[in-house]
């Protein structure tokens, strides 16, 4: 086992409700990034009166996903499932959660999309479940609906068997599984907040709104 293949102790999984998730869609909030450009943990940024990891979890729950797991790194204080493989990027977090929960499919939402809406996520989930294919938007690979099928399992097994250095990309995953790339009904919902300037721009949309989510 290489030094880069690090197994960390998992914190108590942040799951919306208990019980079996077999044959169900699992919600995954990707919150384990370094947030280096933001300068502070993006998961703890406050969107009105709610931090971003809670906002993201609530969005997934709002479309009928009962089980939501927060993917974290070992340095974060928020409760979640810690990446089994350090420094492996988004797919490292996704792989860690899929290994632990073994769902039929997953709807994966990064924690830095403050303008995301229920309607946008419903579009991905509905088309993904009807087609049985991975689904993302043309403008961005995340959020992502991912069937946890044999093709996905094979990709992850091969990608992380002799992992060292840098994790595989979402594009590499999509090259190996059947997928559809959709046009979002509202492109604004894919606005990504990576820097303080991005966050200030996003705040102009939601800071004075009484609604929990940006409307489509």
N, C-alpha and C. Protein backbone atom coordinates (compact mmCIF):
# COMPACT_ATOMS: atom_id res chain seq x y z
N UNK A 1 0.86 -1.20 0.00
CA UNK A 1 0.00 0.00 0.00
C UNK A 1 0.88 1.23 0.00
N UNK A 2 0.60 2.16 -0.89
CA UNK A 2 1.44 3.33 -0.99
C UNK A 2 1.11 4.31 0.11
N UNK A 3 2.02 5.27 0.36
CA UNK A 3 1.80 6.28 1.38
C UNK A 3 0.61 7.16 1.05
N UNK A 4 0.29 7.30 -0.25
CA UNK A 4 -0.81 8.17 -0.64
C UNK A 4 -2.17 7.52 -0.46
N UNK A 5 -2.20 6.20 -0.30
CA UNK A 5 -3.47 5.50 -0.10
C UNK A 5 -3.73 5.47 1.40
N UNK A 6 -4.34 6.55 1.91
CA UNK A 6 -4.51 6.72 3.34
C UNK A 6 -5.93 6.41 3.73
N UNK A 7 -6.10 5.55 4.72
CA UNK A 7 -7.41 5.23 5.24
C UNK A 7 -7.61 6.00 6.54
N UNK A 8 -8.67 6.79 6.58
CA UNK A 8 -8.94 7.60 7.75
C UNK A 8 -10.12 7.02 8.51
N UNK A 9 -10.17 7.30 9.82
CA UNK A 9 -11.32 6.89 10.60
C UNK A 9 -12.51 7.74 10.20
N UNK A 10 -13.64 7.09 9.92
CA UNK A 10 -14.84 7.81 9.51
C UNK A 10 -15.51 8.41 10.73
N UNK A 11 -15.94 9.66 10.59
CA UNK A 11 -16.79 10.25 11.60
C UNK A 11 -18.17 9.64 11.46
N UNK A 12 -19.04 9.91 12.42
CA UNK A 12 -20.40 9.40 12.32
C UNK A 12 -21.04 9.96 11.06
N UNK A 13 -21.54 9.12 10.14
CA UNK A 13 -22.10 9.62 8.89
C UNK A 13 -23.26 10.56 9.13
N UNK A 14 -23.27 11.67 8.39
CA UNK A 14 -24.38 12.61 8.49
C UNK A 14 -25.47 12.18 7.54
N UNK A 15 -26.41 11.39 8.03
CA UNK A 15 -27.45 10.81 7.22
C UNK A 15 -28.78 11.35 7.68
N UNK A 16 -29.64 11.71 6.73
CA UNK A 16 -30.89 12.36 7.08
C UNK A 16 -31.83 11.45 7.84
N UNK A 17 -31.83 10.16 7.56
CA UNK A 17 -32.66 9.23 8.30
C UNK A 17 -32.02 7.86 8.25
N UNK A 18 -32.42 6.98 9.16
CA UNK A 18 -31.79 5.68 9.24
C UNK A 18 -32.52 4.67 8.40
N UNK A 19 -31.94 3.46 8.30
CA UNK A 19 -32.59 2.39 7.55
C UNK A 19 -31.81 2.04 6.30
N UNK A 20 -32.24 0.96 5.65
CA UNK A 20 -31.57 0.49 4.44
C UNK A 20 -31.75 1.46 3.30
N UNK A 21 -30.72 1.63 2.49
CA UNK A 21 -30.84 2.49 1.31
C UNK A 21 -30.74 1.68 0.03
N UNK A 22 -30.79 0.33 0.18
CA UNK A 22 -30.77 -0.51 -1.01
C UNK A 22 -31.92 -0.12 -1.93
N UNK A 23 -31.63 -0.08 -3.24
CA UNK A 23 -32.62 0.23 -4.27
C UNK A 23 -33.14 1.67 -4.17
N UNK A 24 -32.41 2.53 -3.48
CA UNK A 24 -32.80 3.93 -3.39
C UNK A 24 -31.67 4.82 -3.89
N UNK A 25 -32.03 6.09 -4.10
CA UNK A 25 -31.03 7.09 -4.49
C UNK A 25 -30.48 7.74 -3.23
N UNK A 26 -29.18 7.74 -3.11
CA UNK A 26 -28.50 8.36 -1.99
C UNK A 26 -28.06 9.76 -2.37
N UNK A 27 -28.26 10.72 -1.50
CA UNK A 27 -27.76 12.06 -1.71
C UNK A 27 -26.36 12.20 -1.15
N UNK A 28 -25.45 12.79 -1.92
CA UNK A 28 -24.08 13.02 -1.45
C UNK A 28 -23.76 14.50 -1.61
N UNK A 29 -23.37 15.14 -0.52
CA UNK A 29 -22.90 16.52 -0.56
C UNK A 29 -21.38 16.49 -0.48
N UNK A 30 -20.72 16.96 -1.53
CA UNK A 30 -19.25 16.99 -1.56
C UNK A 30 -18.76 18.24 -0.84
N UNK A 31 -18.25 18.03 0.38
CA UNK A 31 -17.83 19.16 1.20
C UNK A 31 -16.39 19.05 1.66
N UNK A 32 -15.63 18.09 1.10
CA UNK A 32 -14.29 17.81 1.60
C UNK A 32 -13.15 18.48 0.87
N UNK A 33 -13.45 19.47 0.04
CA UNK A 33 -12.38 20.16 -0.68
C UNK A 33 -11.53 21.02 0.24
N UNK A 34 -10.39 21.46 -0.27
CA UNK A 34 -9.47 22.25 0.54
C UNK A 34 -9.93 23.69 0.74
N UNK A 35 -10.80 24.19 -0.14
CA UNK A 35 -11.29 25.59 -0.06
C UNK A 35 -10.13 26.58 -0.06
N UNK A 36 -9.04 26.26 -0.76
CA UNK A 36 -7.85 27.10 -0.71
C UNK A 36 -8.07 28.47 -1.32
N UNK A 37 -8.82 28.54 -2.41
CA UNK A 37 -9.07 29.84 -3.04
C UNK A 37 -10.05 30.68 -2.24
N UNK A 38 -10.97 30.04 -1.52
CA UNK A 38 -11.91 30.78 -0.69
C UNK A 38 -11.24 31.31 0.57
N UNK A 39 -10.25 30.57 1.07
CA UNK A 39 -9.56 30.99 2.27
C UNK A 39 -10.23 30.55 3.55
N UNK A 40 -11.35 29.88 3.47
CA UNK A 40 -12.05 29.30 4.62
C UNK A 40 -12.96 28.19 4.10
N UNK A 41 -13.42 27.36 5.00
CA UNK A 41 -14.19 26.19 4.61
C UNK A 41 -15.51 26.61 3.95
N UNK A 42 -15.68 26.27 2.68
CA UNK A 42 -16.89 26.65 1.95
C UNK A 42 -18.14 26.00 2.55
N UNK A 43 -17.99 24.86 3.18
CA UNK A 43 -19.14 24.17 3.77
C UNK A 43 -19.76 24.95 4.90
N UNK A 44 -18.99 25.82 5.55
CA UNK A 44 -19.49 26.57 6.70
C UNK A 44 -19.90 28.00 6.36
N UNK A 45 -19.78 28.40 5.10
CA UNK A 45 -20.26 29.73 4.70
C UNK A 45 -21.76 29.82 4.94
N UNK A 46 -22.21 30.98 5.38
CA UNK A 46 -23.61 31.15 5.73
C UNK A 46 -24.41 31.73 4.56
N UNK A 47 -25.39 30.98 4.12
CA UNK A 47 -26.32 31.43 3.10
C UNK A 47 -27.60 31.85 3.82
N UNK A 48 -27.78 33.15 3.97
CA UNK A 48 -28.81 33.67 4.87
C UNK A 48 -28.56 33.09 6.27
N UNK A 49 -29.48 32.34 6.82
CA UNK A 49 -29.32 31.81 8.18
C UNK A 49 -28.93 30.34 8.20
N UNK A 50 -28.39 29.83 7.09
CA UNK A 50 -28.10 28.41 6.98
C UNK A 50 -26.72 28.23 6.36
N UNK A 51 -25.91 27.33 6.94
CA UNK A 51 -24.60 27.10 6.33
C UNK A 51 -24.76 26.27 5.05
N UNK A 52 -23.72 26.27 4.25
CA UNK A 52 -23.85 25.69 2.91
C UNK A 52 -24.01 24.17 2.93
N UNK A 53 -23.44 23.48 3.90
CA UNK A 53 -23.64 22.03 3.89
C UNK A 53 -25.07 21.69 4.31
N UNK A 54 -25.68 22.49 5.18
CA UNK A 54 -27.08 22.27 5.54
C UNK A 54 -28.01 22.65 4.39
N UNK A 55 -27.70 23.75 3.72
CA UNK A 55 -28.48 24.18 2.56
C UNK A 55 -28.47 23.10 1.49
N UNK A 56 -27.30 22.55 1.21
CA UNK A 56 -27.17 21.52 0.18
C UNK A 56 -27.94 20.26 0.57
N UNK A 57 -27.82 19.85 1.82
CA UNK A 57 -28.55 18.67 2.28
C UNK A 57 -30.06 18.89 2.17
N UNK A 58 -30.52 20.08 2.54
CA UNK A 58 -31.95 20.38 2.47
C UNK A 58 -32.47 20.33 1.04
N UNK A 59 -31.66 20.79 0.09
CA UNK A 59 -32.05 20.73 -1.32
C UNK A 59 -32.28 19.29 -1.76
N UNK A 60 -31.35 18.42 -1.41
CA UNK A 60 -31.49 17.01 -1.79
C UNK A 60 -32.70 16.38 -1.12
N UNK A 61 -32.94 16.71 0.12
CA UNK A 61 -34.11 16.19 0.81
C UNK A 61 -35.41 16.70 0.19
N UNK A 62 -35.37 17.91 -0.35
CA UNK A 62 -36.58 18.53 -0.89
C UNK A 62 -37.10 17.83 -2.14
N UNK A 63 -36.26 17.00 -2.79
CA UNK A 63 -36.71 16.26 -3.98
C UNK A 63 -36.95 14.78 -3.66
N UNK A 64 -37.11 14.50 -2.39
CA UNK A 64 -37.51 13.15 -1.98
C UNK A 64 -36.38 12.20 -1.67
N UNK A 65 -35.16 12.72 -1.54
CA UNK A 65 -34.04 11.86 -1.16
C UNK A 65 -33.95 11.85 0.37
N UNK A 66 -34.22 10.71 0.96
CA UNK A 66 -34.31 10.63 2.41
C UNK A 66 -32.97 10.48 3.10
N UNK A 67 -32.02 9.88 2.41
CA UNK A 67 -30.69 9.67 2.98
C UNK A 67 -29.68 10.57 2.29
N UNK A 68 -29.05 11.43 3.06
CA UNK A 68 -28.05 12.35 2.53
C UNK A 68 -26.80 12.25 3.38
N UNK A 69 -25.66 12.05 2.72
CA UNK A 69 -24.38 11.90 3.40
C UNK A 69 -23.49 13.09 3.02
N UNK A 70 -22.82 13.64 4.02
CA UNK A 70 -21.86 14.72 3.78
C UNK A 70 -20.47 14.10 3.65
N UNK A 71 -19.84 14.30 2.50
CA UNK A 71 -18.48 13.81 2.28
C UNK A 71 -17.50 14.88 2.75
N UNK A 72 -16.62 14.51 3.68
CA UNK A 72 -15.72 15.47 4.31
C UNK A 72 -14.27 14.98 4.25
N UNK A 73 -13.35 15.87 4.63
CA UNK A 73 -11.97 15.45 4.85
C UNK A 73 -11.71 15.37 6.35
N UNK A 74 -10.59 14.76 6.71
CA UNK A 74 -10.34 14.48 8.13
C UNK A 74 -10.06 15.72 8.95
N UNK A 75 -9.83 16.87 8.32
CA UNK A 75 -9.52 18.09 9.06
C UNK A 75 -10.76 18.91 9.41
N UNK A 76 -11.90 18.55 8.83
CA UNK A 76 -13.11 19.33 9.06
C UNK A 76 -13.80 18.92 10.35
N UNK A 77 -14.48 19.88 10.95
CA UNK A 77 -15.18 19.62 12.20
C UNK A 77 -16.62 19.18 11.98
N UNK A 78 -17.14 19.34 10.76
CA UNK A 78 -18.52 18.96 10.50
C UNK A 78 -18.63 17.43 10.43
N UNK A 79 -19.79 16.92 10.83
CA UNK A 79 -20.01 15.48 10.84
C UNK A 79 -20.22 14.98 9.42
N UNK A 80 -19.58 13.86 9.08
CA UNK A 80 -19.74 13.31 7.75
C UNK A 80 -18.92 12.06 7.56
N UNK A 81 -18.89 11.58 6.33
CA UNK A 81 -18.08 10.42 5.97
C UNK A 81 -16.75 10.91 5.41
N UNK A 82 -15.67 10.58 6.09
CA UNK A 82 -14.35 11.05 5.71
C UNK A 82 -13.83 10.27 4.51
N UNK A 83 -13.17 10.97 3.60
CA UNK A 83 -12.58 10.32 2.43
C UNK A 83 -11.63 9.21 2.87
N UNK A 84 -11.80 8.04 2.28
CA UNK A 84 -10.89 6.93 2.57
C UNK A 84 -9.53 7.13 1.92
N UNK A 85 -9.52 7.87 0.81
CA UNK A 85 -8.29 8.11 0.08
C UNK A 85 -8.02 9.60 0.09
N UNK A 86 -6.94 10.01 0.73
CA UNK A 86 -6.64 11.42 0.87
C UNK A 86 -6.22 12.04 -0.45
N UNK A 87 -6.61 13.29 -0.66
CA UNK A 87 -6.16 14.08 -1.81
C UNK A 87 -6.53 13.47 -3.16
N UNK A 88 -7.70 12.83 -3.22
CA UNK A 88 -8.13 12.19 -4.46
C UNK A 88 -9.21 12.97 -5.18
N UNK A 89 -9.51 14.18 -4.73
CA UNK A 89 -10.49 15.01 -5.41
C UNK A 89 -11.92 14.55 -5.20
N UNK A 90 -12.86 15.10 -5.98
CA UNK A 90 -14.28 14.77 -5.81
C UNK A 90 -14.57 13.28 -5.91
N UNK A 91 -13.92 12.59 -6.86
CA UNK A 91 -14.20 11.17 -7.03
C UNK A 91 -13.72 10.34 -5.85
N UNK A 92 -12.71 10.83 -5.14
CA UNK A 92 -12.30 10.15 -3.93
C UNK A 92 -13.39 10.17 -2.88
N UNK A 93 -14.06 11.33 -2.75
CA UNK A 93 -15.18 11.43 -1.82
C UNK A 93 -16.36 10.59 -2.25
N UNK A 94 -16.68 10.62 -3.53
CA UNK A 94 -17.80 9.83 -4.06
C UNK A 94 -17.53 8.35 -3.84
N UNK A 95 -16.34 7.91 -4.16
CA UNK A 95 -15.96 6.50 -4.01
C UNK A 95 -16.08 6.05 -2.55
N UNK A 96 -15.63 6.88 -1.63
CA UNK A 96 -15.68 6.54 -0.21
C UNK A 96 -17.12 6.33 0.25
N UNK A 97 -18.02 7.20 -0.17
CA UNK A 97 -19.42 7.08 0.24
C UNK A 97 -20.08 5.87 -0.42
N UNK A 98 -19.84 5.67 -1.71
CA UNK A 98 -20.44 4.52 -2.39
C UNK A 98 -19.97 3.21 -1.78
N UNK A 99 -18.71 3.14 -1.39
CA UNK A 99 -18.18 1.93 -0.77
C UNK A 99 -18.88 1.64 0.56
N UNK A 100 -19.19 2.69 1.30
CA UNK A 100 -19.78 2.49 2.61
C UNK A 100 -21.28 2.18 2.56
N UNK A 101 -22.01 2.81 1.60
CA UNK A 101 -23.47 2.71 1.61
C UNK A 101 -24.06 1.85 0.51
N UNK A 102 -23.32 1.63 -0.55
CA UNK A 102 -23.75 0.75 -1.65
C UNK A 102 -25.17 1.04 -2.14
N UNK A 103 -25.48 2.28 -2.52
CA UNK A 103 -26.82 2.59 -3.01
C UNK A 103 -27.00 2.13 -4.46
N UNK A 104 -28.24 2.12 -4.91
CA UNK A 104 -28.51 1.82 -6.31
C UNK A 104 -28.03 2.96 -7.20
N UNK A 105 -28.17 4.19 -6.70
CA UNK A 105 -27.72 5.37 -7.45
C UNK A 105 -27.43 6.48 -6.45
N UNK A 106 -26.80 7.54 -6.94
CA UNK A 106 -26.48 8.68 -6.08
C UNK A 106 -26.71 9.97 -6.86
N UNK A 107 -27.20 10.98 -6.15
CA UNK A 107 -27.26 12.33 -6.70
C UNK A 107 -26.23 13.15 -5.92
N UNK A 108 -25.24 13.63 -6.63
CA UNK A 108 -24.04 14.21 -6.01
C UNK A 108 -24.04 15.71 -6.23
N UNK A 109 -23.97 16.45 -5.12
CA UNK A 109 -24.06 17.91 -5.16
C UNK A 109 -22.85 18.51 -4.45
N UNK A 110 -22.05 19.33 -5.14
CA UNK A 110 -20.95 20.01 -4.44
C UNK A 110 -21.49 21.09 -3.52
N UNK A 111 -20.73 21.39 -2.49
CA UNK A 111 -21.21 22.30 -1.44
C UNK A 111 -21.10 23.77 -1.83
N UNK A 112 -20.52 24.06 -2.99
CA UNK A 112 -20.25 25.45 -3.34
C UNK A 112 -21.16 25.99 -4.46
N UNK A 113 -22.40 25.53 -4.48
CA UNK A 113 -23.38 26.02 -5.46
C UNK A 113 -24.53 26.71 -4.73
N UNK A 114 -24.34 27.95 -4.30
CA UNK A 114 -25.34 28.62 -3.46
C UNK A 114 -26.62 29.01 -4.18
N UNK A 115 -26.63 28.97 -5.52
CA UNK A 115 -27.83 29.32 -6.27
C UNK A 115 -28.56 28.09 -6.81
N UNK A 116 -28.14 26.92 -6.39
CA UNK A 116 -28.78 25.69 -6.83
C UNK A 116 -30.24 25.64 -6.36
N UNK A 117 -31.09 24.98 -7.16
CA UNK A 117 -32.51 24.89 -6.85
C UNK A 117 -33.01 23.45 -6.89
N UNK A 118 -34.13 23.28 -6.26
CA UNK A 118 -34.84 21.99 -6.28
C UNK A 118 -35.15 21.57 -7.71
N UNK A 119 -35.59 22.51 -8.53
CA UNK A 119 -36.00 22.18 -9.89
C UNK A 119 -34.84 21.67 -10.73
N UNK A 120 -33.67 22.26 -10.56
CA UNK A 120 -32.49 21.82 -11.31
C UNK A 120 -32.10 20.40 -10.93
N UNK A 121 -32.12 20.10 -9.64
CA UNK A 121 -31.78 18.76 -9.18
C UNK A 121 -32.83 17.73 -9.60
N UNK A 122 -34.08 18.13 -9.59
CA UNK A 122 -35.15 17.23 -10.04
C UNK A 122 -34.97 16.85 -11.50
N UNK A 123 -34.53 17.81 -12.32
CA UNK A 123 -34.29 17.54 -13.74
C UNK A 123 -33.25 16.44 -13.90
N UNK A 124 -32.15 16.53 -13.16
CA UNK A 124 -31.11 15.50 -13.24
C UNK A 124 -31.62 14.15 -12.77
N UNK A 125 -32.25 14.14 -11.62
CA UNK A 125 -32.68 12.88 -11.01
C UNK A 125 -33.73 12.18 -11.86
N UNK A 126 -34.70 12.94 -12.36
CA UNK A 126 -35.78 12.36 -13.15
C UNK A 126 -35.25 11.72 -14.43
N UNK A 127 -34.44 12.47 -15.17
CA UNK A 127 -33.92 11.94 -16.43
C UNK A 127 -32.95 10.80 -16.18
N UNK A 128 -32.15 10.91 -15.13
CA UNK A 128 -31.22 9.84 -14.80
C UNK A 128 -31.93 8.55 -14.45
N UNK A 129 -32.98 8.63 -13.66
CA UNK A 129 -33.69 7.42 -13.27
C UNK A 129 -34.46 6.82 -14.43
N UNK A 130 -35.02 7.67 -15.28
CA UNK A 130 -35.76 7.14 -16.43
C UNK A 130 -34.83 6.49 -17.46
N UNK A 131 -33.67 7.07 -17.65
CA UNK A 131 -32.74 6.56 -18.67
C UNK A 131 -31.82 5.47 -18.14
N UNK A 132 -31.62 5.45 -16.83
CA UNK A 132 -30.66 4.52 -16.25
C UNK A 132 -29.22 4.91 -16.53
N UNK A 133 -29.00 6.17 -16.92
CA UNK A 133 -27.67 6.65 -17.26
C UNK A 133 -27.21 7.73 -16.28
N UNK A 134 -25.91 7.93 -16.23
CA UNK A 134 -25.37 9.08 -15.53
C UNK A 134 -25.85 10.34 -16.23
N UNK A 135 -26.11 11.39 -15.47
CA UNK A 135 -26.59 12.65 -16.05
C UNK A 135 -25.90 13.82 -15.37
N UNK A 136 -25.45 14.76 -16.20
CA UNK A 136 -24.93 16.03 -15.70
C UNK A 136 -25.32 17.10 -16.70
N UNK A 137 -24.92 18.32 -16.45
CA UNK A 137 -25.24 19.42 -17.35
C UNK A 137 -24.06 19.74 -18.26
N UNK A 138 -24.36 20.29 -19.43
CA UNK A 138 -23.32 20.60 -20.41
C UNK A 138 -22.33 21.61 -19.86
N UNK A 139 -22.80 22.51 -19.01
CA UNK A 139 -21.95 23.57 -18.48
C UNK A 139 -21.07 23.11 -17.32
N UNK A 140 -21.39 21.97 -16.72
CA UNK A 140 -20.65 21.52 -15.54
C UNK A 140 -20.88 20.03 -15.33
N UNK A 141 -19.84 19.34 -14.85
CA UNK A 141 -19.96 17.90 -14.57
C UNK A 141 -20.62 17.63 -13.22
N UNK A 142 -20.68 18.62 -12.35
CA UNK A 142 -21.36 18.51 -11.07
C UNK A 142 -22.37 19.64 -10.97
N UNK A 143 -23.58 19.34 -10.44
CA UNK A 143 -24.03 18.09 -9.84
C UNK A 143 -24.13 16.95 -10.85
N UNK A 144 -24.22 15.72 -10.30
CA UNK A 144 -24.17 14.52 -11.12
C UNK A 144 -25.11 13.47 -10.56
N UNK A 145 -25.95 12.90 -11.44
CA UNK A 145 -26.71 11.70 -11.09
C UNK A 145 -25.90 10.51 -11.58
N UNK A 146 -25.62 9.56 -10.68
CA UNK A 146 -24.75 8.44 -11.04
C UNK A 146 -25.36 7.11 -10.62
N UNK A 147 -25.76 6.26 -11.58
CA UNK A 147 -26.14 4.89 -11.22
C UNK A 147 -24.92 4.15 -10.68
N UNK A 148 -25.10 3.46 -9.58
CA UNK A 148 -23.98 2.71 -9.00
C UNK A 148 -24.01 1.29 -9.56
N UNK A 149 -23.71 1.20 -10.85
CA UNK A 149 -23.83 -0.08 -11.55
C UNK A 149 -22.45 -0.71 -11.76
N UNK A 150 -22.42 -1.81 -12.50
CA UNK A 150 -21.17 -2.55 -12.70
C UNK A 150 -20.12 -1.72 -13.42
N UNK A 151 -20.55 -0.87 -14.35
CA UNK A 151 -19.60 -0.05 -15.09
C UNK A 151 -18.93 0.98 -14.18
N UNK A 152 -19.74 1.60 -13.32
CA UNK A 152 -19.17 2.57 -12.37
C UNK A 152 -18.25 1.87 -11.37
N UNK A 153 -18.67 0.72 -10.89
CA UNK A 153 -17.86 -0.02 -9.93
C UNK A 153 -16.51 -0.40 -10.55
N UNK A 154 -16.53 -0.83 -11.81
CA UNK A 154 -15.28 -1.19 -12.48
C UNK A 154 -14.38 0.02 -12.62
N UNK A 155 -14.95 1.16 -12.99
CA UNK A 155 -14.13 2.38 -13.12
C UNK A 155 -13.44 2.71 -11.81
N UNK A 156 -14.20 2.73 -10.71
CA UNK A 156 -13.62 3.10 -9.42
C UNK A 156 -12.56 2.08 -8.98
N UNK A 157 -12.83 0.80 -9.21
CA UNK A 157 -11.87 -0.23 -8.82
C UNK A 157 -10.54 -0.05 -9.55
N UNK A 158 -10.62 0.24 -10.84
CA UNK A 158 -9.40 0.43 -11.63
C UNK A 158 -8.71 1.74 -11.28
N UNK A 159 -9.51 2.79 -11.05
CA UNK A 159 -8.93 4.10 -10.78
C UNK A 159 -8.18 4.16 -9.47
N UNK A 160 -8.65 3.42 -8.48
CA UNK A 160 -8.06 3.52 -7.15
C UNK A 160 -7.26 2.29 -6.73
N UNK A 161 -7.10 1.34 -7.63
CA UNK A 161 -6.36 0.13 -7.27
C UNK A 161 -4.91 0.46 -6.93
N UNK A 162 -4.28 1.26 -7.76
CA UNK A 162 -2.89 1.66 -7.51
C UNK A 162 -2.78 3.18 -7.49
N UNK A 163 -3.65 3.78 -6.71
CA UNK A 163 -3.73 5.24 -6.69
C UNK A 163 -2.47 5.87 -6.13
N UNK A 164 -2.04 6.92 -6.80
CA UNK A 164 -0.93 7.74 -6.28
C UNK A 164 -1.03 9.12 -6.89
N UNK A 165 -0.88 10.10 -6.05
CA UNK A 165 -0.77 11.47 -6.55
C UNK A 165 -2.07 12.20 -6.72
N UNK A 166 -2.74 12.01 -7.84
CA UNK A 166 -3.90 12.81 -8.20
C UNK A 166 -5.06 11.92 -8.58
N UNK A 167 -6.25 12.28 -8.07
CA UNK A 167 -7.42 11.47 -8.34
C UNK A 167 -7.93 11.65 -9.76
N UNK A 168 -8.71 10.69 -10.27
CA UNK A 168 -9.28 10.79 -11.61
C UNK A 168 -10.33 11.90 -11.67
N UNK A 169 -10.65 12.30 -12.87
CA UNK A 169 -11.61 13.39 -13.07
C UNK A 169 -13.01 12.85 -13.32
N UNK A 170 -14.01 13.72 -13.16
CA UNK A 170 -15.38 13.36 -13.49
C UNK A 170 -15.48 13.04 -14.98
N UNK A 171 -14.75 13.79 -15.80
CA UNK A 171 -14.75 13.52 -17.25
C UNK A 171 -14.28 12.09 -17.53
N UNK A 172 -13.24 11.64 -16.82
CA UNK A 172 -12.74 10.28 -17.02
C UNK A 172 -13.80 9.26 -16.66
N UNK A 173 -14.55 9.52 -15.59
CA UNK A 173 -15.65 8.63 -15.21
C UNK A 173 -16.71 8.58 -16.30
N UNK A 174 -17.12 9.74 -16.80
CA UNK A 174 -18.17 9.79 -17.81
C UNK A 174 -17.74 9.12 -19.11
N UNK A 175 -16.45 9.12 -19.38
CA UNK A 175 -15.96 8.43 -20.58
C UNK A 175 -16.13 6.92 -20.50
N UNK A 176 -16.36 6.41 -19.29
CA UNK A 176 -16.46 4.96 -19.09
C UNK A 176 -17.88 4.47 -18.79
N UNK A 177 -18.82 5.38 -18.63
CA UNK A 177 -20.18 4.95 -18.30
C UNK A 177 -21.16 5.63 -19.28
N UNK A 178 -22.29 5.00 -19.59
CA UNK A 178 -23.31 5.65 -20.42
C UNK A 178 -23.81 6.90 -19.70
N UNK A 179 -23.94 7.99 -20.44
CA UNK A 179 -24.36 9.23 -19.78
C UNK A 179 -25.08 10.15 -20.75
N UNK A 180 -25.79 11.10 -20.19
CA UNK A 180 -26.43 12.17 -20.94
C UNK A 180 -26.00 13.50 -20.36
N UNK A 181 -25.80 14.47 -21.25
CA UNK A 181 -25.46 15.82 -20.83
C UNK A 181 -26.65 16.72 -21.17
N UNK A 182 -27.20 17.34 -20.15
CA UNK A 182 -28.45 18.08 -20.27
C UNK A 182 -28.21 19.57 -20.35
N UNK A 183 -29.22 20.28 -20.86
CA UNK A 183 -29.21 21.74 -20.83
C UNK A 183 -30.03 22.18 -19.63
N UNK A 184 -29.44 22.94 -18.71
CA UNK A 184 -30.20 23.35 -17.54
C UNK A 184 -31.29 24.35 -17.90
N UNK A 185 -32.38 24.28 -17.17
CA UNK A 185 -33.45 25.25 -17.40
C UNK A 185 -33.04 26.65 -16.94
N UNK A 186 -32.15 26.70 -15.96
CA UNK A 186 -31.68 27.98 -15.44
C UNK A 186 -30.18 27.87 -15.18
N UNK A 187 -29.36 28.43 -16.06
CA UNK A 187 -27.90 28.31 -15.94
C UNK A 187 -27.37 28.97 -14.67
N UNK A 188 -28.09 29.95 -14.16
CA UNK A 188 -27.66 30.66 -12.96
C UNK A 188 -27.46 29.70 -11.79
N UNK A 189 -28.22 28.62 -11.76
CA UNK A 189 -28.13 27.70 -10.62
C UNK A 189 -26.80 26.97 -10.55
N UNK A 190 -26.04 26.97 -11.63
CA UNK A 190 -24.75 26.28 -11.66
C UNK A 190 -23.59 27.20 -11.27
N UNK A 191 -23.92 28.41 -10.84
CA UNK A 191 -22.87 29.36 -10.45
C UNK A 191 -22.06 28.80 -9.29
N UNK A 192 -20.75 28.74 -9.50
CA UNK A 192 -19.85 28.11 -8.53
C UNK A 192 -19.10 29.18 -7.74
N UNK A 193 -19.13 29.07 -6.41
CA UNK A 193 -18.44 30.04 -5.55
C UNK A 193 -17.13 29.45 -5.05
N UNK A 194 -16.05 29.79 -5.74
CA UNK A 194 -14.73 29.29 -5.36
C UNK A 194 -13.88 30.31 -4.63
N UNK A 195 -14.20 31.61 -4.81
CA UNK A 195 -13.40 32.68 -4.23
C UNK A 195 -14.30 33.62 -3.43
N UNK A 196 -13.70 34.47 -2.58
CA UNK A 196 -14.51 35.47 -1.87
C UNK A 196 -15.30 36.36 -2.81
N UNK A 197 -14.71 36.66 -3.97
CA UNK A 197 -15.41 37.50 -4.94
C UNK A 197 -16.64 36.78 -5.51
N UNK A 198 -16.49 35.49 -5.79
CA UNK A 198 -17.63 34.70 -6.24
C UNK A 198 -18.74 34.70 -5.19
N UNK A 199 -18.35 34.53 -3.94
CA UNK A 199 -19.33 34.47 -2.86
C UNK A 199 -20.08 35.79 -2.73
N UNK A 200 -19.37 36.88 -2.83
CA UNK A 200 -20.03 38.19 -2.74
C UNK A 200 -21.00 38.38 -3.90
N UNK A 201 -20.63 37.90 -5.07
CA UNK A 201 -21.52 37.99 -6.22
C UNK A 201 -22.78 37.16 -5.99
N UNK A 202 -22.61 35.96 -5.46
CA UNK A 202 -23.76 35.10 -5.19
C UNK A 202 -24.68 35.72 -4.15
N UNK A 203 -24.10 36.39 -3.17
CA UNK A 203 -24.90 36.99 -2.10
C UNK A 203 -25.85 38.04 -2.62
N UNK A 204 -25.52 38.66 -3.75
CA UNK A 204 -26.43 39.68 -4.29
C UNK A 204 -27.75 39.06 -4.72
N UNK A 205 -27.77 37.75 -4.99
CA UNK A 205 -28.99 37.07 -5.39
C UNK A 205 -29.82 36.62 -4.21
N UNK A 206 -29.15 36.20 -3.12
CA UNK A 206 -29.92 35.57 -2.06
C UNK A 206 -29.94 36.30 -0.72
N UNK A 207 -29.08 37.29 -0.51
CA UNK A 207 -28.94 37.85 0.84
C UNK A 207 -30.20 38.55 1.33
N UNK A 208 -30.96 39.12 0.41
CA UNK A 208 -32.17 39.83 0.81
C UNK A 208 -33.44 39.05 0.52
N UNK A 209 -33.28 37.81 0.10
CA UNK A 209 -34.44 36.99 -0.23
C UNK A 209 -34.97 36.30 1.00
N UNK A 210 -36.29 36.23 1.12
CA UNK A 210 -36.91 35.50 2.22
C UNK A 210 -37.05 34.02 1.92
N UNK A 211 -36.88 33.67 0.64
CA UNK A 211 -37.02 32.27 0.24
C UNK A 211 -35.75 31.51 0.57
N UNK A 212 -35.88 30.24 0.88
CA UNK A 212 -34.73 29.39 1.21
C UNK A 212 -33.87 29.14 0.00
N UNK A 213 -34.49 29.04 -1.20
CA UNK A 213 -33.75 28.68 -2.41
C UNK A 213 -34.05 29.69 -3.50
N UNK A 214 -33.09 29.86 -4.39
CA UNK A 214 -33.29 30.74 -5.53
C UNK A 214 -34.31 30.13 -6.45
N UNK A 215 -35.28 30.89 -6.86
CA UNK A 215 -36.35 30.34 -7.70
C UNK A 215 -35.92 30.28 -9.14
N UNK A 216 -36.36 29.21 -9.79
CA UNK A 216 -36.17 29.12 -11.25
C UNK A 216 -37.17 30.01 -11.97
